[in-house]
Structures are given as C-alpha cells and as structure tokens.
Amino acid sequence: MRRLLATAALAGFILAAALPSAADTRVYVRVGPPRAVVEKRVVAPGPHHVWIAGYHRWDGAAYVWVPGRWDLPPTGRHAWVAGHWAHHHRNGYYWVEGHWR
C-alpha cells in the first residue's frame, strides 16, 4: 500500500512539473496600455515601507487602474522590480508581474 501511495505521489509531482503553470500563461492585448496615472503618495506608514506604483491591468475588455500602495519587503534587503507591459511584435502586449529582488 505504501509503495502504491508513493508511486501515485511521484506521478502527481511529475505531472504537475510537466504542465504549464498559470504564471507561464500570457494573455495578450492588442491595444497598448494608457499612460500611467500620476499618483499622490500618502506618507509611508513606517521607515521600512517601499512604494509600489500603480499600474493598468487588463480585465478582459479594458484597462483598469490599480492604485499604488506601500508595502514591506520580505526579510532582508530587497528591492521592488516594478511590473510592466511588454510588447511582442506579433501578439500584442502582455503583463510582466512585479516582484521583490
């Protein structure tokens, strides 16, 4: 029974690794995003908070503005790499997610 469960678990891990994840799937938009909104930042809630600028997200029919926010980096010294819209010459624009580096 243990061998059967171990084999099934291993097969599940292999299958999950072989399938593309949601992060690997790009959604292309034919129309480029509008210019960024100029935001007024409020005072940081603490000395270690980092400003994460707002951005336009695609909701399936139109671009929608997501306002910026203050956030704490994960442990240690990290820098925020802003998300951005990249352009593919044939397919259109796709979103590259922001992340901590």
PDB file of N, CA and C in Angstrom:
ATOM      1  N   MET A   1       0.830  -1.185   0.000  1.00  0.00           N
ATOM      2  CA  MET A   1       0.000   0.000   0.000  1.00  0.00           C
ATOM      3  C   MET A   1       0.875   1.249   0.000  1.00  0.00           C
ATOM      4  N   ARG A   2       1.940   1.259   0.822  1.00  0.00           N
ATOM      5  CA  ARG A   2       2.838   2.417   0.863  1.00  0.00           C
ATOM      6  C   ARG A   2       3.491   2.650  -0.493  1.00  0.00           C
ATOM      7  N   ARG A   3       3.893   1.559  -1.126  1.00  0.00           N
ATOM      8  CA  ARG A   3       4.543   1.676  -2.435  1.00  0.00           C
ATOM      9  C   ARG A   3       3.580   2.280  -3.457  1.00  0.00           C
ATOM     10  N   LEU A   4       2.320   1.864  -3.406  1.00  0.00           N
ATOM     11  CA  LEU A   4       1.311   2.401  -4.317  1.00  0.00           C
ATOM     12  C   LEU A   4       1.102   3.896  -4.074  1.00  0.00           C
ATOM     13  N   LEU A   5       1.006   4.301  -2.811  1.00  0.00           N
ATOM     14  CA  LEU A   5       0.841   5.722  -2.486  1.00  0.00           C
ATOM     15  C   LEU A   5       2.063   6.536  -2.905  1.00  0.00           C
ATOM     16  N   ALA A   6       3.249   6.017  -2.677  1.00  0.00           N
ATOM     17  CA  ALA A   6       4.476   6.713  -3.068  1.00  0.00           C
ATOM     18  C   ALA A   6       4.549   6.860  -4.584  1.00  0.00           C
ATOM     19  N   THR A   7       4.180   5.815  -5.314  1.00  0.00           N
ATOM     20  CA  THR A   7       4.186   5.874  -6.781  1.00  0.00           C
ATOM     21  C   THR A   7       3.166   6.893  -7.284  1.00  0.00           C
ATOM     22  N   ALA A   8       1.991   6.910  -6.674  1.00  0.00           N
ATOM     23  CA  ALA A   8       0.960   7.877  -7.077  1.00  0.00           C
ATOM     24  C   ALA A   8       1.411   9.309  -6.789  1.00  0.00           C
ATOM     25  N   ALA A   9       2.037   9.525  -5.647  1.00  0.00           N
ATOM     26  CA  ALA A   9       2.522  10.870  -5.304  1.00  0.00           C
ATOM     27  C   ALA A   9       3.608  11.299  -6.275  1.00  0.00           C
ATOM     28  N   LEU A  10       4.527  10.411  -6.602  1.00  0.00           N
ATOM     29  CA  LEU A  10       5.601  10.725  -7.550  1.00  0.00           C
ATOM     30  C   LEU A  10       5.029  11.053  -8.922  1.00  0.00           C
ATOM     31  N   ALA A  11       4.051  10.272  -9.355  1.00  0.00           N
ATOM     32  CA  ALA A  11       3.418  10.536 -10.655  1.00  0.00           C
ATOM     33  C   ALA A  11       2.738  11.899 -10.646  1.00  0.00           C
ATOM     34  N   GLY A  12       2.114  12.263  -9.539  1.00  0.00           N
ATOM     35  CA  GLY A  12       1.469  13.576  -9.421  1.00  0.00           C
ATOM     36  C   GLY A  12       2.465  14.709  -9.508  1.00  0.00           C
ATOM     37  N   PHE A  13       3.623  14.565  -8.846  1.00  0.00           N
ATOM     38  CA  PHE A  13       4.669  15.595  -8.903  1.00  0.00           C
ATOM     39  C   PHE A  13       5.221  15.737 -10.319  1.00  0.00           C
ATOM     40  N   ILE A  14       5.443  14.625 -10.983  1.00  0.00           N
ATOM     41  CA  ILE A  14       5.969  14.668 -12.355  1.00  0.00           C
ATOM     42  C   ILE A  14       4.963  15.328 -13.284  1.00  0.00           C
ATOM     43  N   LEU A  15       3.696  14.974 -13.154  1.00  0.00           N
ATOM     44  CA  LEU A  15       2.657  15.565 -13.991  1.00  0.00           C
ATOM     45  C   LEU A  15       2.535  17.061 -13.729  1.00  0.00           C
ATOM     46  N   ALA A  16       2.563  17.472 -12.465  1.00  0.00           N
ATOM     47  CA  ALA A  16       2.461  18.893 -12.126  1.00  0.00           C
ATOM     48  C   ALA A  16       3.647  19.671 -12.678  1.00  0.00           C
ATOM     49  N   ALA A  17       4.829  19.092 -12.659  1.00  0.00           N
ATOM     50  CA  ALA A  17       6.014  19.773 -13.181  1.00  0.00           C
ATOM     51  C   ALA A  17       5.961  19.890 -14.699  1.00  0.00           C
ATOM     52  N   ALA A  18       5.304  18.960 -15.361  1.00  0.00           N
ATOM     53  CA  ALA A  18       5.251  18.965 -16.818  1.00  0.00           C
ATOM     54  C   ALA A  18       4.208  19.935 -17.360  1.00  0.00           C
ATOM     55  N   LEU A  19       3.173  20.229 -16.580  1.00  0.00           N
ATOM     56  CA  LEU A  19       2.113  21.117 -17.042  1.00  0.00           C
ATOM     57  C   LEU A  19       2.528  22.579 -16.859  1.00  0.00           C
ATOM     58  N   PRO A  20       2.150  23.459 -17.793  1.00  0.00           N
ATOM     59  CA  PRO A  20       2.464  24.875 -17.607  1.00  0.00           C
ATOM     60  C   PRO A  20       1.645  25.441 -16.460  1.00  0.00           C
ATOM     61  N   SER A  21       2.267  26.299 -15.677  1.00  0.00           N
ATOM     62  CA  SER A  21       1.547  26.917 -14.568  1.00  0.00           C
ATOM     63  C   SER A  21       0.814  28.148 -15.072  1.00  0.00           C
ATOM     64  N   ALA A  22      -0.055  28.698 -14.242  1.00  0.00           N
ATOM     65  CA  ALA A  22      -0.794  29.908 -14.608  1.00  0.00           C
ATOM     66  C   ALA A  22       0.169  31.072 -14.836  1.00  0.00           C
ATOM     67  N   ALA A  23       1.301  31.076 -14.120  1.00  0.00           N
ATOM     68  CA  ALA A  23       2.280  32.146 -14.278  1.00  0.00           C
ATOM     69  C   ALA A  23       2.957  32.080 -15.643  1.00  0.00           C
ATOM     70  N   ASP A  24       2.983  30.890 -16.275  1.00  0.00           N
ATOM     71  CA  ASP A  24       3.609  30.732 -17.584  1.00  0.00           C
ATOM     72  C   ASP A  24       2.674  31.131 -18.726  1.00  0.00           C
ATOM     73  N   THR A  25       1.401  31.320 -18.435  1.00  0.00           N
ATOM     74  CA  THR A  25       0.418  31.623 -19.457  1.00  0.00           C
ATOM     75  C   THR A  25       0.319  33.126 -19.630  1.00  0.00           C
ATOM     76  N   ARG A  26       0.563  33.593 -20.857  1.00  0.00           N
ATOM     77  CA  ARG A  26       0.471  35.021 -21.139  1.00  0.00           C
ATOM     78  C   ARG A  26      -0.866  35.332 -21.784  1.00  0.00           C
ATOM     79  N   VAL A  27      -1.441  36.441 -21.369  1.00  0.00           N
ATOM     80  CA  VAL A  27      -2.636  36.964 -22.010  1.00  0.00           C
ATOM     81  C   VAL A  27      -2.189  38.172 -22.817  1.00  0.00           C
ATOM     82  N   TYR A  28      -2.417  38.127 -24.110  1.00  0.00           N
ATOM     83  CA  TYR A  28      -2.003  39.218 -24.994  1.00  0.00           C
ATOM     84  C   TYR A  28      -3.160  40.171 -25.230  1.00  0.00           C
ATOM     85  N   VAL A  29      -2.828  41.454 -25.253  1.00  0.00           N
ATOM     86  CA  VAL A  29      -3.800  42.509 -25.507  1.00  0.00           C
ATOM     87  C   VAL A  29      -3.322  43.262 -26.734  1.00  0.00           C
ATOM     88  N   ARG A  30      -4.180  43.435 -27.707  1.00  0.00           N
ATOM     89  CA  ARG A  30      -3.794  44.099 -28.965  1.00  0.00           C
ATOM     90  C   ARG A  30      -3.544  45.598 -28.791  1.00  0.00           C
ATOM     91  N   VAL A  31      -4.250  46.230 -27.877  1.00  0.00           N
ATOM     92  CA  VAL A  31      -4.132  47.674 -27.661  1.00  0.00           C
ATOM     93  C   VAL A  31      -3.173  47.932 -26.513  1.00  0.00           C
ATOM     94  N   GLY A  32      -2.229  48.831 -26.720  1.00  0.00           N
ATOM     95  CA  GLY A  32      -1.264  49.162 -25.669  1.00  0.00           C
ATOM     96  C   GLY A  32      -1.927  49.845 -24.485  1.00  0.00           C
ATOM     97  N   PRO A  33      -1.303  49.758 -23.311  1.00  0.00           N
ATOM     98  CA  PRO A  33      -1.886  50.366 -22.116  1.00  0.00           C
ATOM     99  C   PRO A  33      -1.820  51.894 -22.178  1.00  0.00           C
ATOM    100  N   PRO A  34      -2.751  52.558 -21.495  1.00  0.00           N
ATOM    101  CA  PRO A  34      -2.690  54.014 -21.419  1.00  0.00           C
ATOM    102  C   PRO A  34      -1.486  54.451 -20.586  1.00  0.00           C
ATOM    103  N   ARG A  35      -1.212  55.734 -20.612  1.00  0.00           N
ATOM    104  CA  ARG A  35      -0.127  56.258 -19.768  1.00  0.00           C
ATOM    105  C   ARG A  35      -0.485  56.077 -18.303  1.00  0.00           C
ATOM    106  N   ALA A  36       0.553  55.917 -17.506  1.00  0.00           N
ATOM    107  CA  ALA A  36       0.344  55.722 -16.070  1.00  0.00           C
ATOM    108  C   ALA A  36      -0.312  56.957 -15.461  1.00  0.00           C
ATOM    109  N   VAL A  37      -1.140  56.731 -14.471  1.00  0.00           N
ATOM    110  CA  VAL A  37      -1.780  57.808 -13.734  1.00  0.00           C
ATOM    111  C   VAL A  37      -0.746  58.391 -12.771  1.00  0.00           C
ATOM    112  N   VAL A  38      -0.694  59.712 -12.672  1.00  0.00           N
ATOM    113  CA  VAL A  38       0.201  60.348 -11.709  1.00  0.00           C
ATOM    114  C   VAL A  38      -0.492  60.278 -10.355  1.00  0.00           C
ATOM    115  N   GLU A  39       0.128  59.566  -9.441  1.00  0.00           N
ATOM    116  CA  GLU A  39      -0.482  59.335  -8.134  1.00  0.00           C
ATOM    117  C   GLU A  39       0.120  60.249  -7.075  1.00  0.00           C
ATOM    118  N   LYS A  40      -0.696  60.616  -6.125  1.00  0.00           N
ATOM    119  CA  LYS A  40      -0.210  61.369  -4.974  1.00  0.00           C
ATOM    120  C   LYS A  40       0.006  60.366  -3.849  1.00  0.00           C
ATOM    121  N   ARG A  41       1.246  60.241  -3.416  1.00  0.00           N
ATOM    122  CA  ARG A  41       1.567  59.286  -2.348  1.00  0.00           C
ATOM    123  C   ARG A  41       1.215  59.876  -0.995  1.00  0.00           C
ATOM    124  N   VAL A  42       0.645  59.053  -0.170  1.00  0.00           N
ATOM    125  CA  VAL A  42       0.447  59.451   1.220  1.00  0.00           C
ATOM    126  C   VAL A  42       1.749  59.148   1.960  1.00  0.00           C
ATOM    127  N   VAL A  43       1.854  59.625   3.170  1.00  0.00           N
ATOM    128  CA  VAL A  43       3.054  59.397   3.974  1.00  0.00           C
ATOM    129  C   VAL A  43       3.208  57.900   4.237  1.00  0.00           C
ATOM    130  N   ALA A  44       4.442  57.412   4.142  1.00  0.00           N
ATOM    131  CA  ALA A  44       4.720  55.993   4.392  1.00  0.00           C
ATOM    132  C   ALA A  44       4.310  55.621   5.810  1.00  0.00           C
ATOM    133  N   PRO A  45       3.709  54.454   5.986  1.00  0.00           N
ATOM    134  CA  PRO A  45       3.295  54.041   7.331  1.00  0.00           C
ATOM    135  C   PRO A  45       4.465  53.688   8.249  1.00  0.00           C
ATOM    136  N   GLY A  46       5.664  53.521   7.693  1.00  0.00           N
ATOM    137  CA  GLY A  46       6.827  53.194   8.513  1.00  0.00           C
ATOM    138  C   GLY A  46       8.104  53.424   7.730  1.00  0.00           C
ATOM    139  N   PRO A  47       9.240  53.455   8.398  1.00  0.00           N
ATOM    140  CA  PRO A  47      10.500  53.779   7.730  1.00  0.00           C
ATOM    141  C   PRO A  47      11.000  52.709   6.755  1.00  0.00           C
ATOM    142  N   HIS A  48      10.497  51.506   6.856  1.00  0.00           N
ATOM    143  CA  HIS A  48      10.985  50.420   6.005  1.00  0.00           C
ATOM    144  C   HIS A  48      10.036  50.094   4.841  1.00  0.00           C
ATOM    145  N   HIS A  49       8.934  50.811   4.762  1.00  0.00           N
ATOM    146  CA  HIS A  49       7.970  50.561   3.692  1.00  0.00           C
ATOM    147  C   HIS A  49       8.504  51.071   2.355  1.00  0.00           C
ATOM    148  N   VAL A  50       8.116  50.371   1.288  1.00  0.00           N
ATOM    149  CA  VAL A  50       8.538  50.709  -0.078  1.00  0.00           C
ATOM    150  C   VAL A  50       7.286  51.016  -0.886  1.00  0.00           C
ATOM    151  N   TRP A  51       7.359  52.076  -1.693  1.00  0.00           N
ATOM    152  CA  TRP A  51       6.220  52.424  -2.540  1.00  0.00           C
ATOM    153  C   TRP A  51       6.177  51.509  -3.759  1.00  0.00           C
ATOM    154  N   ILE A  52       5.026  50.910  -4.003  1.00  0.00           N
ATOM    155  CA  ILE A  52       4.795  50.086  -5.186  1.00  0.00           C
ATOM    156  C   ILE A  52       3.789  50.852  -6.035  1.00  0.00           C
ATOM    157  N   ALA A  53       4.270  51.350  -7.160  1.00  0.00           N
ATOM    158  CA  ALA A  53       3.451  52.219  -8.005  1.00  0.00           C
ATOM    159  C   ALA A  53       2.258  51.477  -8.593  1.00  0.00           C
ATOM    160  N   GLY A  54       1.218  52.232  -8.882  1.00  0.00           N
ATOM    161  CA  GLY A  54       0.030  51.677  -9.510  1.00  0.00           C
ATOM    162  C   GLY A  54       0.309  51.291 -10.955  1.00  0.00           C
ATOM    163  N   TYR A  55      -0.624  50.577 -11.544  1.00  0.00           N
ATOM    164  CA  TYR A  55      -0.451  50.105 -12.918  1.00  0.00           C
ATOM    165  C   TYR A  55      -1.821  49.844 -13.536  1.00  0.00           C
ATOM    166  N   HIS A  56      -1.843  49.730 -14.835  1.00  0.00           N
ATOM    167  CA  HIS A  56      -3.065  49.358 -15.542  1.00  0.00           C
ATOM    168  C   HIS A  56      -3.092  47.842 -15.705  1.00  0.00           C
ATOM    169  N   ARG A  57      -4.180  47.237 -15.296  1.00  0.00           N
ATOM    170  CA  ARG A  57      -4.363  45.800 -15.529  1.00  0.00           C
ATOM    171  C   ARG A  57      -5.436  45.628 -16.587  1.00  0.00           C
ATOM    172  N   TRP A  58      -5.425  44.499 -17.263  1.00  0.00           N
ATOM    173  CA  TRP A  58      -6.410  44.193 -18.284  1.00  0.00           C
ATOM    174  C   TRP A  58      -7.491  43.336 -17.651  1.00  0.00           C
ATOM    175  N   ASP A  59      -8.756  43.753 -17.750  1.00  0.00           N
ATOM    176  CA  ASP A  59      -9.836  42.975 -17.138  1.00  0.00           C
ATOM    177  C   ASP A  59     -10.585  42.089 -18.131  1.00  0.00           C
ATOM    178  N   GLY A  60     -10.041  41.963 -19.348  1.00  0.00           N
ATOM    179  CA  GLY A  60     -10.676  41.152 -20.373  1.00  0.00           C
ATOM    180  C   GLY A  60     -11.392  41.990 -21.411  1.00  0.00           C
ATOM    181  N   ALA A  61     -11.681  43.255 -21.071  1.00  0.00           N
ATOM    182  CA  ALA A  61     -12.380  44.136 -22.005  1.00  0.00           C
ATOM    183  C   ALA A  61     -11.743  45.520 -22.079  1.00  0.00           C
ATOM    184  N   ALA A  62     -11.082  45.937 -21.006  1.00  0.00           N
ATOM    185  CA  ALA A  62     -10.496  47.278 -20.952  1.00  0.00           C
ATOM    186  C   ALA A  62      -9.409  47.316 -19.885  1.00  0.00           C
ATOM    187  N   TYR A  63      -8.576  48.351 -19.942  1.00  0.00           N
ATOM    188  CA  TYR A  63      -7.578  48.566 -18.912  1.00  0.00           C
ATOM    189  C   TYR A  63      -8.242  49.215 -17.701  1.00  0.00           C
ATOM    190  N   VAL A  64      -7.858  48.771 -16.524  1.00  0.00           N
ATOM    191  CA  VAL A  64      -8.388  49.298 -15.268  1.00  0.00           C
ATOM    192  C   VAL A  64      -7.190  49.686 -14.405  1.00  0.00           C
ATOM    193  N   TRP A  65      -7.231  50.888 -13.802  1.00  0.00           N
ATOM    194  CA  TRP A  65      -6.131  51.353 -12.972  1.00  0.00           C
ATOM    195  C   TRP A  65      -6.163  50.680 -11.600  1.00  0.00           C
ATOM    196  N   VAL A  66      -5.009  50.141 -11.188  1.00  0.00           N
ATOM    197  CA  VAL A  66      -4.824  49.580  -9.849  1.00  0.00           C
ATOM    198  C   VAL A  66      -3.940  50.566  -9.102  1.00  0.00           C
ATOM    199  N   PRO A  67      -4.443  51.199  -8.046  1.00  0.00           N
ATOM    200  CA  PRO A  67      -3.660  52.233  -7.356  1.00  0.00           C
ATOM    201  C   PRO A  67      -2.417  51.668  -6.675  1.00  0.00           C
ATOM    202  N   GLY A  68      -1.427  52.538  -6.508  1.00  0.00           N
ATOM    203  CA  GLY A  68      -0.196  52.163  -5.823  1.00  0.00           C
ATOM    204  C   GLY A  68      -0.439  51.970  -4.332  1.00  0.00           C
ATOM    205  N   ARG A  69       0.579  51.427  -3.669  1.00  0.00           N
ATOM    206  CA  ARG A  69       0.438  51.139  -2.234  1.00  0.00           C
ATOM    207  C   ARG A  69       1.813  51.075  -1.577  1.00  0.00           C
ATOM    208  N   TRP A  70       1.830  51.221  -0.282  1.00  0.00           N
ATOM    209  CA  TRP A  70       3.049  50.992   0.497  1.00  0.00           C
ATOM    210  C   TRP A  70       3.074  49.528   0.899  1.00  0.00           C
ATOM    211  N   ASP A  71       4.269  48.929   0.871  1.00  0.00           N
ATOM    212  CA  ASP A  71       4.393  47.522   1.233  1.00  0.00           C
ATOM    213  C   ASP A  71       5.725  47.314   1.929  1.00  0.00           C
ATOM    214  N   LEU A  72       5.777  46.315   2.787  1.00  0.00           N
ATOM    215  CA  LEU A  72       7.029  45.956   3.447  1.00  0.00           C
ATOM    216  C   LEU A  72       7.732  44.876   2.636  1.00  0.00           C
ATOM    217  N   PRO A  73       9.028  45.046   2.384  1.00  0.00           N
ATOM    218  CA  PRO A  73       9.751  43.985   1.675  1.00  0.00           C
ATOM    219  C   PRO A  73       9.844  42.732   2.542  1.00  0.00           C
ATOM    220  N   PRO A  74      10.063  41.592   1.896  1.00  0.00           N
ATOM    221  CA  PRO A  74      10.304  40.393   2.707  1.00  0.00           C
ATOM    222  C   PRO A  74      11.589  40.576   3.526  1.00  0.00           C
ATOM    223  N   THR A  75      11.915  39.621   4.315  1.00  0.00           N
ATOM    224  CA  THR A  75      13.079  39.730   5.179  1.00  0.00           C
ATOM    225  C   THR A  75      14.342  40.117   4.413  1.00  0.00           C
ATOM    226  N   GLY A  76      15.214  40.836   5.067  1.00  0.00           N
ATOM    227  CA  GLY A  76      16.469  41.253   4.438  1.00  0.00           C
ATOM    228  C   GLY A  76      16.295  42.485   3.579  1.00  0.00           C
ATOM    229  N   ARG A  77      17.332  42.785   2.817  1.00  0.00           N
ATOM    230  CA  ARG A  77      17.299  43.960   1.954  1.00  0.00           C
ATOM    231  C   ARG A  77      16.860  43.542   0.552  1.00  0.00           C
ATOM    232  N   HIS A  78      15.657  43.922   0.192  1.00  0.00           N
ATOM    233  CA  HIS A  78      15.101  43.590  -1.108  1.00  0.00           C
ATOM    234  C   HIS A  78      14.697  44.861  -1.829  1.00  0.00           C
ATOM    235  N   ALA A  79      14.725  44.818  -3.135  1.00  0.00           N
ATOM    236  CA  ALA A  79      14.273  45.941  -3.953  1.00  0.00           C
ATOM    237  C   ALA A  79      13.068  45.488  -4.762  1.00  0.00           C
ATOM    238  N   TRP A  80      12.126  46.390  -4.984  1.00  0.00           N
ATOM    239  CA  TRP A  80      10.947  46.078  -5.780  1.00  0.00           C
ATOM    240  C   TRP A  80      11.255  46.307  -7.250  1.00  0.00           C
ATOM    241  N   VAL A  81      11.009  45.315  -8.077  1.00  0.00           N
ATOM    242  CA  VAL A  81      11.132  45.429  -9.521  1.00  0.00           C
ATOM    243  C   VAL A  81       9.708  45.608 -10.036  1.00  0.00           C
ATOM    244  N   ALA A  82       9.422  46.777 -10.586  1.00  0.00           N
ATOM    245  CA  ALA A  82       8.060  47.118 -10.981  1.00  0.00           C
ATOM    246  C   ALA A  82       7.571  46.245 -12.131  1.00  0.00           C
ATOM    247  N   GLY A  83       6.297  45.914 -12.084  1.00  0.00           N
ATOM    248  CA  GLY A  83       5.672  45.216 -13.193  1.00  0.00           C
ATOM    249  C   GLY A  83       5.567  46.161 -14.382  1.00  0.00           C
ATOM    250  N   HIS A  84       5.430  45.598 -15.562  1.00  0.00           N
ATOM    251  CA  HIS A  84       5.340  46.441 -16.757  1.00  0.00           C
ATOM    252  C   HIS A  84       4.688  45.666 -17.903  1.00  0.00           C
ATOM    253  N   TRP A  85       4.201  46.419 -18.864  1.00  0.00           N
ATOM    254  CA  TRP A  85       3.649  45.832 -20.075  1.00  0.00           C
ATOM    255  C   TRP A  85       4.758  45.693 -21.088  1.00  0.00           C
ATOM    256  N   ALA A  86       4.967  44.496 -21.581  1.00  0.00           N
ATOM    257  CA  ALA A  86       5.965  44.230 -22.621  1.00  0.00           C
ATOM    258  C   ALA A  86       5.231  44.027 -23.943  1.00  0.00           C
ATOM    259  N   HIS A  87       5.934  44.286 -25.030  1.00  0.00           N
ATOM    260  CA  HIS A  87       5.304  44.173 -26.341  1.00  0.00           C
ATOM    261  C   HIS A  87       5.935  43.043 -27.143  1.00  0.00           C
ATOM    262  N   HIS A  88       5.092  42.195 -27.689  1.00  0.00           N
ATOM    263  CA  HIS A  88       5.524  41.140 -28.602  1.00  0.00           C
ATOM    264  C   HIS A  88       5.089  41.583 -29.989  1.00  0.00           C
ATOM    265  N   HIS A  89       6.010  41.610 -30.936  1.00  0.00           N
ATOM    266  CA  HIS A  89       5.739  42.212 -32.248  1.00  0.00           C
ATOM    267  C   HIS A  89       4.548  41.605 -32.987  1.00  0.00           C
ATOM    268  N   ARG A  90       4.192  40.378 -32.733  1.00  0.00           N
ATOM    269  CA  ARG A  90       3.055  39.760 -33.438  1.00  0.00           C
ATOM    270  C   ARG A  90       1.789  39.660 -32.599  1.00  0.00           C
ATOM    271  N   ASN A  91       1.950  39.369 -31.320  1.00  0.00           N
ATOM    272  CA  ASN A  91       0.787  39.059 -30.487  1.00  0.00           C
ATOM    273  C   ASN A  91       0.199  40.245 -29.737  1.00  0.00           C
ATOM    274  N   GLY A  92       0.973  41.280 -29.500  1.00  0.00           N
ATOM    275  CA  GLY A  92       0.474  42.432 -28.755  1.00  0.00           C
ATOM    276  C   GLY A  92       1.220  42.611 -27.443  1.00  0.00           C
ATOM    277  N   TYR A  93       0.525  43.125 -26.454  1.00  0.00           N
ATOM    278  CA  TYR A  93       1.118  43.450 -25.154  1.00  0.00           C
ATOM    279  C   TYR A  93       0.765  42.382 -24.138  1.00  0.00           C
ATOM    280  N   TYR A  94       1.702  42.120 -23.214  1.00  0.00           N
ATOM    281  CA  TYR A  94       1.447  41.192 -22.123  1.00  0.00           C
ATOM    282  C   TYR A  94       2.067  41.742 -20.852  1.00  0.00           C
ATOM    283  N   TRP A  95       1.473  41.390 -19.722  1.00  0.00           N
ATOM    284  CA  TRP A  95       1.888  41.907 -18.424  1.00  0.00           C
ATOM    285  C   TRP A  95       3.017  41.062 -17.844  1.00  0.00           C
ATOM    286  N   VAL A  96       4.071  41.744 -17.375  1.00  0.00           N
ATOM    287  CA  VAL A  96       5.172  41.097 -16.660  1.00  0.00           C
ATOM    288  C   VAL A  96       5.013  41.510 -15.199  1.00  0.00           C
ATOM    289  N   GLU A  97       4.742  40.551 -14.359  1.00  0.00           N
ATOM    290  CA  GLU A  97       4.433  40.802 -12.948  1.00  0.00           C
ATOM    291  C   GLU A  97       5.614  41.432 -12.200  1.00  0.00           C
ATOM    292  N   GLY A  98       5.317  42.373 -11.303  1.00  0.00           N
ATOM    293  CA  GLY A  98       6.343  42.940 -10.431  1.00  0.00           C
ATOM    294  C   GLY A  98       6.748  41.929  -9.374  1.00  0.00           C
ATOM    295  N   HIS A  99       7.946  42.087  -8.817  1.00  0.00           N
ATOM    296  CA  HIS A  99       8.416  41.125  -7.812  1.00  0.00           C
ATOM    297  C   HIS A  99       9.543  41.735  -6.978  1.00  0.00           C
ATOM    298  N   TRP A 100       9.783  41.118  -5.837  1.00  0.00           N
ATOM    299  CA  TRP A 100      10.909  41.517  -4.974  1.00  0.00           C
ATOM    300  C   TRP A 100      12.166  40.831  -5.464  1.00  0.00           C
ATOM    301  N   ARG A 101      13.254  41.560  -5.473  1.00  0.00           N
ATOM    302  CA  ARG A 101      14.550  41.009  -5.880  1.00  0.00           C
ATOM    303  C   ARG A 101      15.501  41.118  -4.720  1.00  0.00           C
TER     304      ARG A 101
END
